[in-house]
C-alpha atoms as a PDB file:
ATOM      1  CA  MET A   1     -20.438   3.250  10.994  1.00  0.00           C
ATOM      2  CA  THR A   2     -19.856  -0.195   9.322  1.00  0.00           C
ATOM      3  CA  SER A   3     -23.089  -2.532   9.282  1.00  0.00           C
ATOM      4  CA  THR A   4     -22.579  -5.661   9.699  1.00  0.00           C
ATOM      5  CA  ALA A   5     -24.922  -8.682   9.562  1.00  0.00           C
ATOM      6  CA  LYS A   6     -25.560 -11.976  11.554  1.00  0.00           C
ATOM      7  CA  VAL A   7     -24.491 -15.188   9.887  1.00  0.00           C
ATOM      8  CA  SER A   8     -24.103 -18.566  10.735  1.00  0.00           C
ATOM      9  CA  VAL A   9     -21.223 -20.545   8.928  1.00  0.00           C
ATOM     10  CA  ALA A  10     -19.307 -23.868   9.273  1.00  0.00           C
ATOM     11  CA  ILE A  11     -15.584 -24.237   9.527  1.00  0.00           C
ATOM     12  CA  GLY A  12     -12.805 -26.536  10.654  1.00  0.00           C
ATOM     13  CA  ARG A  13     -12.382 -27.973  14.240  1.00  0.00           C
ATOM     14  CA  ALA A  14      -8.720 -26.559  14.242  1.00  0.00           C
ATOM     15  CA  GLU A  15      -9.460 -23.528  12.124  1.00  0.00           C
ATOM     16  CA  LEU A  16     -11.938 -22.488  15.025  1.00  0.00           C
ATOM     17  CA  ALA A  17      -9.819 -23.049  17.398  1.00  0.00           C
ATOM     18  CA  TRP A  18      -6.944 -21.218  15.924  1.00  0.00           C
ATOM     19  CA  ALA A  19      -9.106 -18.457  15.750  1.00  0.00           C
ATOM     20  CA  LYS A  20     -10.208 -18.087  19.023  1.00  0.00           C
ATOM     21  CA  THR A  21      -7.038 -18.348  20.242  1.00  0.00           C
ATOM     22  CA  LEU A  22      -5.972 -15.710  18.250  1.00  0.00           C
ATOM     23  CA  ALA A  23      -8.963 -13.228  19.059  1.00  0.00           C
ATOM     24  CA  ARG A  24      -7.710 -14.223  22.760  1.00  0.00           C
ATOM     25  CA  LEU A  25      -4.569 -13.459  22.401  1.00  0.00           C
ATOM     26  CA  GLU A  26      -5.097  -9.859  20.321  1.00  0.00           C
ATOM     27  CA  GLY A  27      -8.054  -9.247  22.938  1.00  0.00           C
ATOM     28  CA  LYS A  28     -10.393  -9.203  20.467  1.00  0.00           C
ATOM     29  CA  SER A  29     -14.118 -10.939  19.093  1.00  0.00           C
ATOM     30  CA  LEU A  30     -13.678 -14.005  16.906  1.00  0.00           C
ATOM     31  CA  SER A  31     -16.227 -11.731  14.669  1.00  0.00           C
ATOM     32  CA  ALA A  32     -13.203  -8.867  14.260  1.00  0.00           C
ATOM     33  CA  VAL A  33     -10.599 -12.010  13.960  1.00  0.00           C
ATOM     34  CA  VAL A  34     -12.926 -13.116  10.977  1.00  0.00           C
ATOM     35  CA  THR A  35     -13.514  -9.581   9.427  1.00  0.00           C
ATOM     36  CA  GLU A  36     -10.015  -8.865   9.902  1.00  0.00           C
ATOM     37  CA  SER A  37      -9.307 -12.179   7.597  1.00  0.00           C
ATOM     38  CA  LEU A  38     -11.769 -11.621   5.106  1.00  0.00           C
ATOM     39  CA  ALA A  39     -10.475  -8.420   4.661  1.00  0.00           C
ATOM     40  CA  GLU A  40      -6.887  -9.520   4.418  1.00  0.00           C
ATOM     41  CA  ARG A  41      -8.326 -12.064   1.569  1.00  0.00           C
ATOM     42  CA  ARG A  42      -9.875  -9.114  -0.482  1.00  0.00           C
ATOM     43  CA  ARG A  43      -6.765  -7.115  -0.290  1.00  0.00           C
ATOM     44  CA  LEU A  44      -4.548 -10.129  -1.623  1.00  0.00           C
ATOM     45  CA  ALA A  45      -7.437 -10.723  -4.358  1.00  0.00           C
ATOM     46  CA  ALA A  46      -6.558  -6.940  -5.251  1.00  0.00           C
ATOM     47  CA  LEU A  47      -2.920  -7.119  -5.233  1.00  0.00           C
ATOM     48  CA  ALA A  48      -3.416 -10.363  -7.259  1.00  0.00           C
ATOM     49  CA  GLU A  49      -5.368  -8.180  -9.986  1.00  0.00           C
ATOM     50  CA  VAL A  50      -2.394  -5.684  -9.704  1.00  0.00           C
ATOM     51  CA  VAL A  51       0.077  -8.070 -10.745  1.00  0.00           C
ATOM     52  CA  ALA A  52      -2.130  -9.582 -13.196  1.00  0.00           C
ATOM     53  CA  TRP A  53      -2.349  -6.238 -15.186  1.00  0.00           C
ATOM     54  CA  MET A  54       1.462  -5.794 -14.747  1.00  0.00           C
ATOM     55  CA  ALA A  55       1.885  -9.068 -16.292  1.00  0.00           C
ATOM     56  CA  GLU A  56      -0.183  -8.206 -19.418  1.00  0.00           C
ATOM     57  CA  ALA A  57       3.996  -7.240 -20.781  1.00  0.00           C
ATOM     58  CA  GLN A  58       2.831  -3.903 -21.242  1.00  0.00           C
ATOM     59  CA  PRO A  59       5.353  -2.373 -23.689  1.00  0.00           C
ATOM     60  CA  PRO A  60       8.106  -0.393 -22.130  1.00  0.00           C
ATOM     61  CA  LEU A  61       7.832   3.552 -21.886  1.00  0.00           C
ATOM     62  CA  THR A  62       9.246   5.498 -24.820  1.00  0.00           C
ATOM     63  CA  ASP A  63      12.129   7.780 -24.774  1.00  0.00           C
ATOM     64  CA  ASP A  64       9.540  10.801 -24.833  1.00  0.00           C
ATOM     65  CA  GLU A  65       7.612   9.300 -22.713  1.00  0.00           C
ATOM     66  CA  LEU A  66      10.264   8.904 -20.028  1.00  0.00           C
ATOM     67  CA  ARG A  67      11.568  12.247 -20.525  1.00  0.00           C
ATOM     68  CA  ALA A  68       8.419  13.951 -20.028  1.00  0.00           C
ATOM     69  CA  THR A  69       7.684  11.757 -16.983  1.00  0.00           C
ATOM     70  CA  HIS A  70      10.938  12.827 -15.435  1.00  0.00           C
ATOM     71  CA  ARG A  71      10.199  16.613 -16.380  1.00  0.00           C
ATOM     72  CA  GLU A  72       6.556  16.323 -14.026  1.00  0.00           C
ATOM     73  CA  LEU A  73       8.379  14.767 -11.210  1.00  0.00           C
ATOM     74  CA  ALA A  74      11.130  17.614 -11.339  1.00  0.00           C
ATOM     75  CA  ALA A  75       8.434  20.442 -11.882  1.00  0.00           C
ATOM     76  CA  LYS A  76       6.338  18.456  -8.715  1.00  0.00           C
ATOM     77  CA  ARG A  77       9.732  18.513  -6.837  1.00  0.00           C
ATOM     78  CA  ASN A  78      10.464  22.040  -7.048  1.00  0.00           C
ATOM     79  CA  ARG A  79       6.758  23.302  -7.015  1.00  0.00           C
ATOM     80  CA  THR A  80       7.276  21.282  -2.824  1.00  0.00           C
ATOM     81  CA  LYS A  81      10.125  22.637  -2.190  1.00  0.00           C
ATOM     82  CA  SER A  82       9.115  26.110  -2.870  1.00  0.00           C
ATOM     83  CA  ALA A  83       5.804  25.870  -0.924  1.00  0.00           C
ATOM     84  CA  ARG A  84       8.152  24.525   2.231  1.00  0.00           C
ATOM     85  CA  GLY A  85      10.322  27.971   1.585  1.00  0.00           C
ATOM     86  CA  PRO A  86      13.772  28.285   1.342  1.00  0.00           C
ATOM     87  CA  SER A  87      15.958  25.471   2.565  1.00  0.00           C
ATOM     88  CA  LYS A  88      18.165  25.578   5.210  1.00  0.00           C
ATOM     89  CA  LYS A  89      22.029  24.875   4.104  1.00  0.00           C
ATOM     90  CA  SER A  90      24.585  23.470   6.335  1.00  0.00           C
ATOM     91  CA  ARG A  91      27.598  24.690   7.068  1.00  0.00           C
ATOM     92  CA  THR A  92      29.712  21.405   6.008  1.00  0.00           C
ATOM     93  CA  SER A  93      27.830  20.975   2.822  1.00  0.00           C
ATOM     94  CA  THR A  94      29.617  21.076  -0.423  1.00  0.00           C
ATOM     95  CA  PRO A  95      28.396  21.782  -3.918  1.00  0.00           C
ATOM     96  CA  ARG A  96      27.632  18.367  -5.409  1.00  0.00           C
ATOM     97  CA  ARG A  97      28.583  18.140  -9.145  1.00  0.00           C
ATOM     98  CA  ARG A  98      26.263  16.856 -11.225  1.00  0.00           C
ATOM     99  CA  GLY A  99      27.454  14.471 -14.381  1.00  0.00           C
END
């Protein structure tokens, strides 16, 4: 269960009116609307960190790293397929050529 704390905050009248309207329309409490808004802000901050990390201009994968990654993904796909059992082939399917 999530622990809560009762606090007093001051917000603009327009924001308060909007938040109360949103709470009413969604059948939620004002506290729930505020809590969800803060959670969304936290999520956006985490995404901003990921974007900043990605923008650090990391060098691309080498050809060897890329090949190793493809082998690893193919191995995982094969393990997943074998765990599900034999696949059913369509009567109208034709073998695909790989190029």
